[in-house]
Amino acid sequence: MRTRTRKPAHPGGILFRKHMEPLGITITELAHRLGISRKALSAIVNGRASITPDIALRLSRALGTTPELWLGMQQAYTLWETANTRMEWRDVQPLNVEDIRKLRPLTDGARSRGFSDAQLTANAESDPDNPLLNEAFWEHARRASPACKTPR
């Protein structure tokens, strides 16, 4: 992920500075032209609401731009805000491809191909490095499917 040091401008501010001010159009007038409420447009212009795909289509039609322009600006703004104000995403660990490959036999797909729980656990027990022997994995499996039994 490319890291931006500066917060991007909210697309509502850009709408106001680059389009509304030069045209001399008010929030009330533009809202009427767009077919939305003055309150909704005011929230966007003042950075309190996001530009939705519907609003992006309306703005692009009225101002001769593209919906992708408005949605791209909104996406950049929202992503920066989330990355810099919420920290939970930093706790996510990268996936280990080897662990995923070892877990695959226990998917519903393996069961639908005729593997029984006994066959799957026998395969898991024959490989001492298999993460299926991990108690945390089986705790998760039991929560997901109460019928799932921990191999002993």
N, C-alpha and C. Protein backbone atom coordinates (compact mmCIF):
# COMPACT_ATOMS: atom_id res chain seq x y z
N MET A 1 0.85 -1.18 0.00
CA MET A 1 0.00 0.00 0.00
C MET A 1 0.89 1.24 0.00
N ARG A 2 0.63 2.14 -0.92
CA ARG A 2 1.37 3.39 -0.97
C ARG A 2 0.91 4.29 0.17
N THR A 3 1.85 4.86 0.88
CA THR A 3 1.52 5.68 2.04
C THR A 3 1.52 7.15 1.66
N ARG A 4 0.42 7.81 1.91
CA ARG A 4 0.32 9.25 1.70
C ARG A 4 0.59 9.92 3.03
N THR A 5 1.39 10.97 2.99
CA THR A 5 1.65 11.68 4.24
C THR A 5 0.59 12.75 4.49
N ARG A 6 0.04 13.30 3.43
CA ARG A 6 -1.00 14.32 3.58
C ARG A 6 -2.38 13.75 3.36
N LYS A 7 -3.31 14.24 4.13
CA LYS A 7 -4.69 13.82 3.97
C LYS A 7 -5.24 14.36 2.64
N PRO A 8 -5.86 13.51 1.82
CA PRO A 8 -6.44 14.02 0.57
C PRO A 8 -7.63 14.93 0.87
N ALA A 9 -7.92 15.79 -0.06
CA ALA A 9 -9.07 16.68 0.09
C ALA A 9 -10.36 15.87 -0.03
N HIS A 10 -11.35 16.24 0.75
CA HIS A 10 -12.66 15.60 0.62
C HIS A 10 -13.25 16.02 -0.73
N PRO A 11 -13.87 15.10 -1.45
CA PRO A 11 -14.41 15.47 -2.76
C PRO A 11 -15.48 16.55 -2.69
N GLY A 12 -16.14 16.69 -1.56
CA GLY A 12 -17.11 17.76 -1.41
C GLY A 12 -16.46 19.14 -1.46
N GLY A 13 -15.28 19.24 -0.86
CA GLY A 13 -14.55 20.51 -0.91
C GLY A 13 -14.09 20.83 -2.32
N ILE A 14 -13.68 19.81 -3.04
CA ILE A 14 -13.27 20.00 -4.44
C ILE A 14 -14.47 20.41 -5.28
N LEU A 15 -15.60 19.77 -5.04
CA LEU A 15 -16.83 20.14 -5.73
C LEU A 15 -17.12 21.63 -5.55
N PHE A 16 -17.00 22.09 -4.32
CA PHE A 16 -17.30 23.49 -4.04
C PHE A 16 -16.28 24.43 -4.69
N ARG A 17 -14.97 24.17 -4.45
CA ARG A 17 -13.93 25.08 -4.93
C ARG A 17 -13.73 25.06 -6.44
N LYS A 18 -13.81 23.90 -7.06
CA LYS A 18 -13.49 23.78 -8.49
C LYS A 18 -14.70 23.86 -9.40
N HIS A 19 -15.88 23.68 -8.86
CA HIS A 19 -17.07 23.67 -9.73
C HIS A 19 -18.11 24.70 -9.32
N MET A 20 -18.50 24.69 -8.05
CA MET A 20 -19.58 25.58 -7.63
C MET A 20 -19.15 27.05 -7.59
N GLU A 21 -18.01 27.33 -6.96
CA GLU A 21 -17.55 28.73 -6.88
C GLU A 21 -17.34 29.34 -8.26
N PRO A 22 -16.59 28.67 -9.17
CA PRO A 22 -16.39 29.28 -10.49
C PRO A 22 -17.70 29.50 -11.27
N LEU A 23 -18.68 28.62 -11.07
CA LEU A 23 -19.96 28.77 -11.76
C LEU A 23 -20.89 29.74 -11.03
N GLY A 24 -20.55 30.09 -9.81
CA GLY A 24 -21.40 30.98 -9.02
C GLY A 24 -22.73 30.33 -8.65
N ILE A 25 -22.72 29.02 -8.45
CA ILE A 25 -23.95 28.29 -8.13
C ILE A 25 -23.99 27.95 -6.64
N THR A 26 -25.14 28.07 -6.05
CA THR A 26 -25.29 27.80 -4.62
C THR A 26 -25.59 26.32 -4.38
N ILE A 27 -25.48 25.93 -3.13
CA ILE A 27 -25.81 24.55 -2.75
C ILE A 27 -27.27 24.25 -3.10
N THR A 28 -28.15 25.19 -2.81
CA THR A 28 -29.57 25.00 -3.09
C THR A 28 -29.82 24.81 -4.58
N GLU A 29 -29.18 25.64 -5.41
CA GLU A 29 -29.36 25.54 -6.87
C GLU A 29 -28.82 24.21 -7.41
N LEU A 30 -27.62 23.84 -6.99
CA LEU A 30 -27.04 22.60 -7.49
C LEU A 30 -27.83 21.39 -6.99
N ALA A 31 -28.26 21.42 -5.75
CA ALA A 31 -29.06 20.32 -5.22
C ALA A 31 -30.33 20.13 -6.04
N HIS A 32 -30.98 21.25 -6.39
CA HIS A 32 -32.19 21.19 -7.22
C HIS A 32 -31.87 20.58 -8.59
N ARG A 33 -30.76 21.00 -9.20
CA ARG A 33 -30.35 20.47 -10.51
C ARG A 33 -30.02 18.99 -10.45
N LEU A 34 -29.43 18.56 -9.33
CA LEU A 34 -29.05 17.15 -9.17
C LEU A 34 -30.23 16.27 -8.76
N GLY A 35 -31.30 16.90 -8.27
CA GLY A 35 -32.45 16.14 -7.82
C GLY A 35 -32.25 15.51 -6.45
N ILE A 36 -31.46 16.18 -5.61
CA ILE A 36 -31.24 15.71 -4.24
C ILE A 36 -31.58 16.85 -3.28
N SER A 37 -31.64 16.55 -2.00
CA SER A 37 -31.98 17.59 -1.03
C SER A 37 -30.79 18.53 -0.80
N ARG A 38 -31.12 19.76 -0.42
CA ARG A 38 -30.08 20.73 -0.09
C ARG A 38 -29.26 20.24 1.09
N LYS A 39 -29.92 19.59 2.03
CA LYS A 39 -29.26 19.07 3.22
C LYS A 39 -28.22 18.00 2.84
N ALA A 40 -28.58 17.12 1.92
CA ALA A 40 -27.65 16.06 1.49
C ALA A 40 -26.43 16.65 0.79
N LEU A 41 -26.65 17.62 -0.10
CA LEU A 41 -25.53 18.25 -0.80
C LEU A 41 -24.67 19.07 0.16
N SER A 42 -25.30 19.75 1.10
CA SER A 42 -24.55 20.51 2.09
C SER A 42 -23.63 19.60 2.91
N ALA A 43 -24.12 18.43 3.27
CA ALA A 43 -23.31 17.48 4.04
C ALA A 43 -22.09 17.03 3.22
N ILE A 44 -22.28 16.82 1.92
CA ILE A 44 -21.16 16.43 1.05
C ILE A 44 -20.15 17.57 0.93
N VAL A 45 -20.65 18.75 0.62
CA VAL A 45 -19.76 19.91 0.43
C VAL A 45 -18.97 20.22 1.70
N ASN A 46 -19.58 20.01 2.85
CA ASN A 46 -18.91 20.30 4.12
C ASN A 46 -18.15 19.11 4.69
N GLY A 47 -18.00 18.04 3.90
CA GLY A 47 -17.19 16.90 4.31
C GLY A 47 -17.81 15.99 5.35
N ARG A 48 -19.12 16.09 5.55
CA ARG A 48 -19.79 15.25 6.54
C ARG A 48 -20.43 14.02 5.93
N ALA A 49 -20.48 13.94 4.61
CA ALA A 49 -21.09 12.78 3.93
C ALA A 49 -20.22 12.40 2.74
N SER A 50 -20.32 11.14 2.38
CA SER A 50 -19.54 10.61 1.26
C SER A 50 -20.28 10.76 -0.06
N ILE A 51 -19.52 10.71 -1.13
CA ILE A 51 -20.12 10.70 -2.47
C ILE A 51 -20.44 9.25 -2.79
N THR A 52 -21.70 8.97 -3.01
CA THR A 52 -22.16 7.62 -3.34
C THR A 52 -22.11 7.44 -4.85
N PRO A 53 -22.21 6.20 -5.34
CA PRO A 53 -22.26 6.00 -6.79
C PRO A 53 -23.40 6.78 -7.46
N ASP A 54 -24.56 6.85 -6.79
CA ASP A 54 -25.68 7.62 -7.34
C ASP A 54 -25.33 9.10 -7.47
N ILE A 55 -24.75 9.67 -6.44
CA ILE A 55 -24.36 11.09 -6.48
C ILE A 55 -23.27 11.30 -7.52
N ALA A 56 -22.33 10.35 -7.63
CA ALA A 56 -21.25 10.46 -8.62
C ALA A 56 -21.82 10.50 -10.03
N LEU A 57 -22.83 9.68 -10.30
CA LEU A 57 -23.46 9.70 -11.63
C LEU A 57 -24.15 11.03 -11.88
N ARG A 58 -24.83 11.55 -10.87
CA ARG A 58 -25.53 12.84 -11.03
C ARG A 58 -24.53 13.98 -11.25
N LEU A 59 -23.46 14.00 -10.44
CA LEU A 59 -22.45 15.06 -10.59
C LEU A 59 -21.78 14.99 -11.96
N SER A 60 -21.45 13.78 -12.39
CA SER A 60 -20.76 13.64 -13.67
C SER A 60 -21.64 14.13 -14.82
N ARG A 61 -22.93 13.85 -14.73
CA ARG A 61 -23.86 14.29 -15.77
C ARG A 61 -24.00 15.81 -15.76
N ALA A 62 -24.16 16.39 -14.58
CA ALA A 62 -24.37 17.84 -14.47
C ALA A 62 -23.11 18.64 -14.78
N LEU A 63 -21.93 18.11 -14.41
CA LEU A 63 -20.70 18.91 -14.52
C LEU A 63 -19.80 18.49 -15.68
N GLY A 64 -20.20 17.47 -16.44
CA GLY A 64 -19.39 17.04 -17.57
C GLY A 64 -18.11 16.33 -17.15
N THR A 65 -18.18 15.60 -16.05
CA THR A 65 -17.02 14.84 -15.58
C THR A 65 -17.38 13.35 -15.69
N THR A 66 -16.63 12.52 -15.00
CA THR A 66 -16.96 11.09 -14.99
C THR A 66 -17.31 10.67 -13.57
N PRO A 67 -18.13 9.63 -13.44
CA PRO A 67 -18.43 9.14 -12.08
C PRO A 67 -17.17 8.59 -11.41
N GLU A 68 -16.27 8.03 -12.22
CA GLU A 68 -15.02 7.49 -11.67
C GLU A 68 -14.17 8.56 -11.00
N LEU A 69 -14.22 9.78 -11.53
CA LEU A 69 -13.49 10.89 -10.90
C LEU A 69 -13.96 11.08 -9.46
N TRP A 70 -15.26 11.17 -9.27
CA TRP A 70 -15.83 11.43 -7.95
C TRP A 70 -15.64 10.25 -7.02
N LEU A 71 -15.86 9.04 -7.53
CA LEU A 71 -15.69 7.86 -6.70
C LEU A 71 -14.23 7.61 -6.35
N GLY A 72 -13.33 7.93 -7.28
CA GLY A 72 -11.90 7.78 -7.01
C GLY A 72 -11.44 8.73 -5.90
N MET A 73 -11.91 9.98 -5.97
CA MET A 73 -11.56 10.94 -4.92
C MET A 73 -12.13 10.48 -3.57
N GLN A 74 -13.37 9.99 -3.59
CA GLN A 74 -13.99 9.53 -2.35
C GLN A 74 -13.25 8.33 -1.79
N GLN A 75 -12.86 7.42 -2.67
CA GLN A 75 -12.13 6.23 -2.23
C GLN A 75 -10.79 6.60 -1.61
N ALA A 76 -10.06 7.51 -2.24
CA ALA A 76 -8.76 7.93 -1.71
C ALA A 76 -8.93 8.59 -0.34
N TYR A 77 -9.95 9.42 -0.21
CA TYR A 77 -10.21 10.10 1.06
C TYR A 77 -10.58 9.10 2.16
N THR A 78 -11.51 8.20 1.84
CA THR A 78 -11.99 7.24 2.83
C THR A 78 -10.88 6.28 3.24
N LEU A 79 -10.08 5.82 2.28
CA LEU A 79 -8.99 4.90 2.60
C LEU A 79 -7.96 5.59 3.50
N TRP A 80 -7.61 6.83 3.20
CA TRP A 80 -6.66 7.56 4.04
C TRP A 80 -7.22 7.72 5.45
N GLU A 81 -8.49 8.11 5.54
CA GLU A 81 -9.12 8.30 6.85
C GLU A 81 -9.09 7.00 7.66
N THR A 82 -9.45 5.91 7.03
CA THR A 82 -9.50 4.62 7.72
C THR A 82 -8.10 4.19 8.15
N ALA A 83 -7.15 4.29 7.25
CA ALA A 83 -5.78 3.86 7.55
C ALA A 83 -5.15 4.69 8.66
N ASN A 84 -5.58 5.93 8.82
CA ASN A 84 -4.94 6.81 9.80
C ASN A 84 -5.74 7.04 11.07
N THR A 85 -6.97 6.55 11.12
CA THR A 85 -7.76 6.75 12.33
C THR A 85 -8.14 5.44 13.01
N ARG A 86 -8.15 4.35 12.27
CA ARG A 86 -8.47 3.04 12.84
C ARG A 86 -7.22 2.19 12.80
N MET A 87 -6.92 1.54 13.88
CA MET A 87 -5.67 0.80 13.95
C MET A 87 -5.85 -0.72 13.95
N GLU A 88 -7.09 -1.21 14.03
CA GLU A 88 -7.33 -2.66 14.10
C GLU A 88 -6.74 -3.40 12.90
N TRP A 89 -6.75 -2.79 11.74
CA TRP A 89 -6.27 -3.46 10.53
C TRP A 89 -4.78 -3.79 10.62
N ARG A 90 -4.06 -3.09 11.47
CA ARG A 90 -2.63 -3.37 11.62
C ARG A 90 -2.35 -4.69 12.34
N ASP A 91 -3.36 -5.21 13.06
CA ASP A 91 -3.19 -6.47 13.78
C ASP A 91 -3.35 -7.70 12.88
N VAL A 92 -3.82 -7.51 11.67
CA VAL A 92 -4.02 -8.64 10.75
C VAL A 92 -2.66 -9.18 10.32
N GLN A 93 -2.52 -10.50 10.43
CA GLN A 93 -1.26 -11.15 10.06
C GLN A 93 -1.33 -11.63 8.62
N PRO A 94 -0.20 -11.59 7.90
CA PRO A 94 -0.19 -12.11 6.53
C PRO A 94 -0.51 -13.60 6.53
N LEU A 95 -1.19 -14.05 5.48
CA LEU A 95 -1.51 -15.47 5.36
C LEU A 95 -0.26 -16.26 5.02
N ASN A 96 -0.13 -17.43 5.64
CA ASN A 96 0.98 -18.33 5.37
C ASN A 96 0.46 -19.37 4.39
N VAL A 97 0.98 -19.39 3.18
CA VAL A 97 0.49 -20.26 2.12
C VAL A 97 0.58 -21.73 2.53
N GLU A 98 1.63 -22.13 3.20
CA GLU A 98 1.77 -23.53 3.60
C GLU A 98 0.68 -23.94 4.58
N ASP A 99 0.35 -23.08 5.53
CA ASP A 99 -0.72 -23.40 6.47
C ASP A 99 -2.06 -23.54 5.76
N ILE A 100 -2.31 -22.69 4.79
CA ILE A 100 -3.56 -22.75 4.04
C ILE A 100 -3.65 -24.07 3.28
N ARG A 101 -2.57 -24.47 2.64
CA ARG A 101 -2.58 -25.74 1.90
C ARG A 101 -2.87 -26.91 2.82
N LYS A 102 -2.36 -26.87 4.03
CA LYS A 102 -2.58 -27.96 4.97
C LYS A 102 -4.02 -27.97 5.50
N LEU A 103 -4.66 -26.80 5.54
CA LEU A 103 -6.03 -26.71 6.04
C LEU A 103 -7.07 -27.10 5.00
N ARG A 104 -6.73 -27.03 3.74
CA ARG A 104 -7.70 -27.25 2.67
C ARG A 104 -8.46 -28.57 2.75
N PRO A 105 -7.87 -29.70 3.17
CA PRO A 105 -8.66 -30.93 3.18
C PRO A 105 -9.90 -30.86 4.06
N LEU A 106 -9.94 -29.95 5.02
CA LEU A 106 -11.11 -29.89 5.89
C LEU A 106 -12.20 -28.95 5.41
N THR A 107 -12.08 -28.44 4.23
CA THR A 107 -13.12 -27.54 3.73
C THR A 107 -14.36 -28.33 3.40
N ASP A 108 -15.46 -27.64 3.27
CA ASP A 108 -16.70 -28.30 2.88
C ASP A 108 -16.55 -28.97 1.52
N GLY A 109 -15.69 -28.42 0.68
CA GLY A 109 -15.47 -29.00 -0.63
C GLY A 109 -14.93 -30.41 -0.52
N ALA A 110 -14.04 -30.68 0.43
CA ALA A 110 -13.49 -32.03 0.62
C ALA A 110 -14.59 -32.97 1.10
N ARG A 111 -15.43 -32.48 1.99
CA ARG A 111 -16.54 -33.32 2.46
C ARG A 111 -17.50 -33.63 1.32
N SER A 112 -17.76 -32.64 0.47
CA SER A 112 -18.69 -32.88 -0.64
C SER A 112 -18.11 -33.84 -1.66
N ARG A 113 -16.79 -34.02 -1.68
CA ARG A 113 -16.17 -34.97 -2.60
C ARG A 113 -16.09 -36.37 -1.99
N GLY A 114 -16.76 -36.58 -0.84
CA GLY A 114 -16.86 -37.90 -0.29
C GLY A 114 -15.90 -38.23 0.83
N PHE A 115 -15.07 -37.28 1.26
CA PHE A 115 -14.17 -37.56 2.38
C PHE A 115 -14.97 -37.52 3.68
N SER A 116 -14.78 -38.51 4.52
CA SER A 116 -15.46 -38.51 5.81
C SER A 116 -14.60 -37.77 6.83
N ASP A 117 -15.20 -37.41 7.95
CA ASP A 117 -14.44 -36.77 9.02
C ASP A 117 -13.31 -37.69 9.49
N ALA A 118 -13.57 -39.00 9.54
CA ALA A 118 -12.54 -39.94 9.98
C ALA A 118 -11.35 -39.94 9.03
N GLN A 119 -11.62 -39.90 7.72
CA GLN A 119 -10.51 -39.86 6.75
C GLN A 119 -9.72 -38.57 6.88
N LEU A 120 -10.43 -37.47 7.05
CA LEU A 120 -9.75 -36.19 7.15
C LEU A 120 -8.90 -36.11 8.40
N THR A 121 -9.42 -36.57 9.52
CA THR A 121 -8.63 -36.50 10.75
C THR A 121 -7.49 -37.50 10.72
N ALA A 122 -7.68 -38.66 10.07
CA ALA A 122 -6.58 -39.64 9.94
C ALA A 122 -5.44 -39.03 9.14
N ASN A 123 -5.78 -38.31 8.07
CA ASN A 123 -4.75 -37.64 7.28
C ASN A 123 -4.05 -36.57 8.11
N ALA A 124 -4.82 -35.85 8.92
CA ALA A 124 -4.24 -34.79 9.74
C ALA A 124 -3.30 -35.37 10.78
N GLU A 125 -3.69 -36.53 11.39
CA GLU A 125 -2.88 -37.12 12.45
C GLU A 125 -1.60 -37.76 11.92
N SER A 126 -1.58 -38.12 10.64
CA SER A 126 -0.39 -38.76 10.08
C SER A 126 0.72 -37.75 9.78
N ASP A 127 0.41 -36.47 9.80
CA ASP A 127 1.41 -35.43 9.51
C ASP A 127 1.62 -34.59 10.77
N PRO A 128 2.74 -34.77 11.48
CA PRO A 128 2.95 -34.06 12.74
C PRO A 128 3.06 -32.54 12.58
N ASP A 129 3.36 -32.06 11.37
CA ASP A 129 3.45 -30.61 11.15
C ASP A 129 2.12 -29.99 10.74
N ASN A 130 1.09 -30.81 10.64
CA ASN A 130 -0.20 -30.32 10.16
C ASN A 130 -0.86 -29.42 11.20
N PRO A 131 -1.27 -28.22 10.78
CA PRO A 131 -1.92 -27.30 11.73
C PRO A 131 -3.27 -27.80 12.21
N LEU A 132 -3.80 -28.88 11.60
CA LEU A 132 -5.08 -29.42 12.04
C LEU A 132 -4.98 -30.03 13.43
N LEU A 133 -3.76 -30.29 13.88
CA LEU A 133 -3.58 -30.81 15.24
C LEU A 133 -3.61 -29.68 16.26
N ASN A 134 -3.68 -28.46 15.78
CA ASN A 134 -3.69 -27.28 16.64
C ASN A 134 -5.06 -27.14 17.30
N GLU A 135 -5.09 -27.06 18.61
CA GLU A 135 -6.34 -26.97 19.35
C GLU A 135 -7.13 -25.71 18.98
N ALA A 136 -6.45 -24.62 18.70
CA ALA A 136 -7.15 -23.38 18.33
C ALA A 136 -7.93 -23.58 17.04
N PHE A 137 -7.36 -24.32 16.09
CA PHE A 137 -8.07 -24.59 14.85
C PHE A 137 -9.36 -25.34 15.14
N TRP A 138 -9.28 -26.36 15.98
CA TRP A 138 -10.46 -27.18 16.25
C TRP A 138 -11.49 -26.40 17.05
N GLU A 139 -11.06 -25.49 17.90
CA GLU A 139 -12.02 -24.65 18.63
C GLU A 139 -12.82 -23.81 17.64
N HIS A 140 -12.13 -23.25 16.67
CA HIS A 140 -12.80 -22.47 15.62
C HIS A 140 -13.76 -23.37 14.83
N ALA A 141 -13.31 -24.58 14.48
CA ALA A 141 -14.14 -25.51 13.71
C ALA A 141 -15.40 -25.89 14.49
N ARG A 142 -15.27 -26.10 15.81
CA ARG A 142 -16.43 -26.45 16.62
C ARG A 142 -17.44 -25.32 16.66
N ARG A 143 -16.96 -24.08 16.73
CA ARG A 143 -17.87 -22.95 16.73
C ARG A 143 -18.59 -22.84 15.40
N ALA A 144 -17.87 -23.09 14.31
CA ALA A 144 -18.46 -22.98 12.98
C ALA A 144 -19.43 -24.12 12.71
N SER A 145 -19.12 -25.30 13.20
CA SER A 145 -19.96 -26.48 12.98
C SER A 145 -19.98 -27.31 14.25
N PRO A 146 -21.03 -27.21 15.04
CA PRO A 146 -21.08 -27.93 16.32
C PRO A 146 -20.90 -29.44 16.17
N ALA A 147 -21.16 -30.01 14.99
CA ALA A 147 -21.02 -31.44 14.78
C ALA A 147 -19.55 -31.86 14.62
N CYS A 148 -18.68 -30.91 14.47
CA CYS A 148 -17.26 -31.18 14.25
C CYS A 148 -16.62 -31.70 15.55
N LYS A 149 -15.89 -32.80 15.45
CA LYS A 149 -15.25 -33.40 16.61
C LYS A 149 -13.73 -33.19 16.54
N THR A 150 -13.13 -32.88 17.68
CA THR A 150 -11.68 -32.74 17.75
C THR A 150 -11.04 -34.11 17.69
N PRO A 151 -10.06 -34.34 16.82
CA PRO A 151 -9.41 -35.65 16.78
C PRO A 151 -8.56 -35.85 18.03
N ARG A 152 -8.52 -37.05 18.54
CA ARG A 152 -7.70 -37.34 19.74
C ARG A 152 -6.70 -38.40 19.40
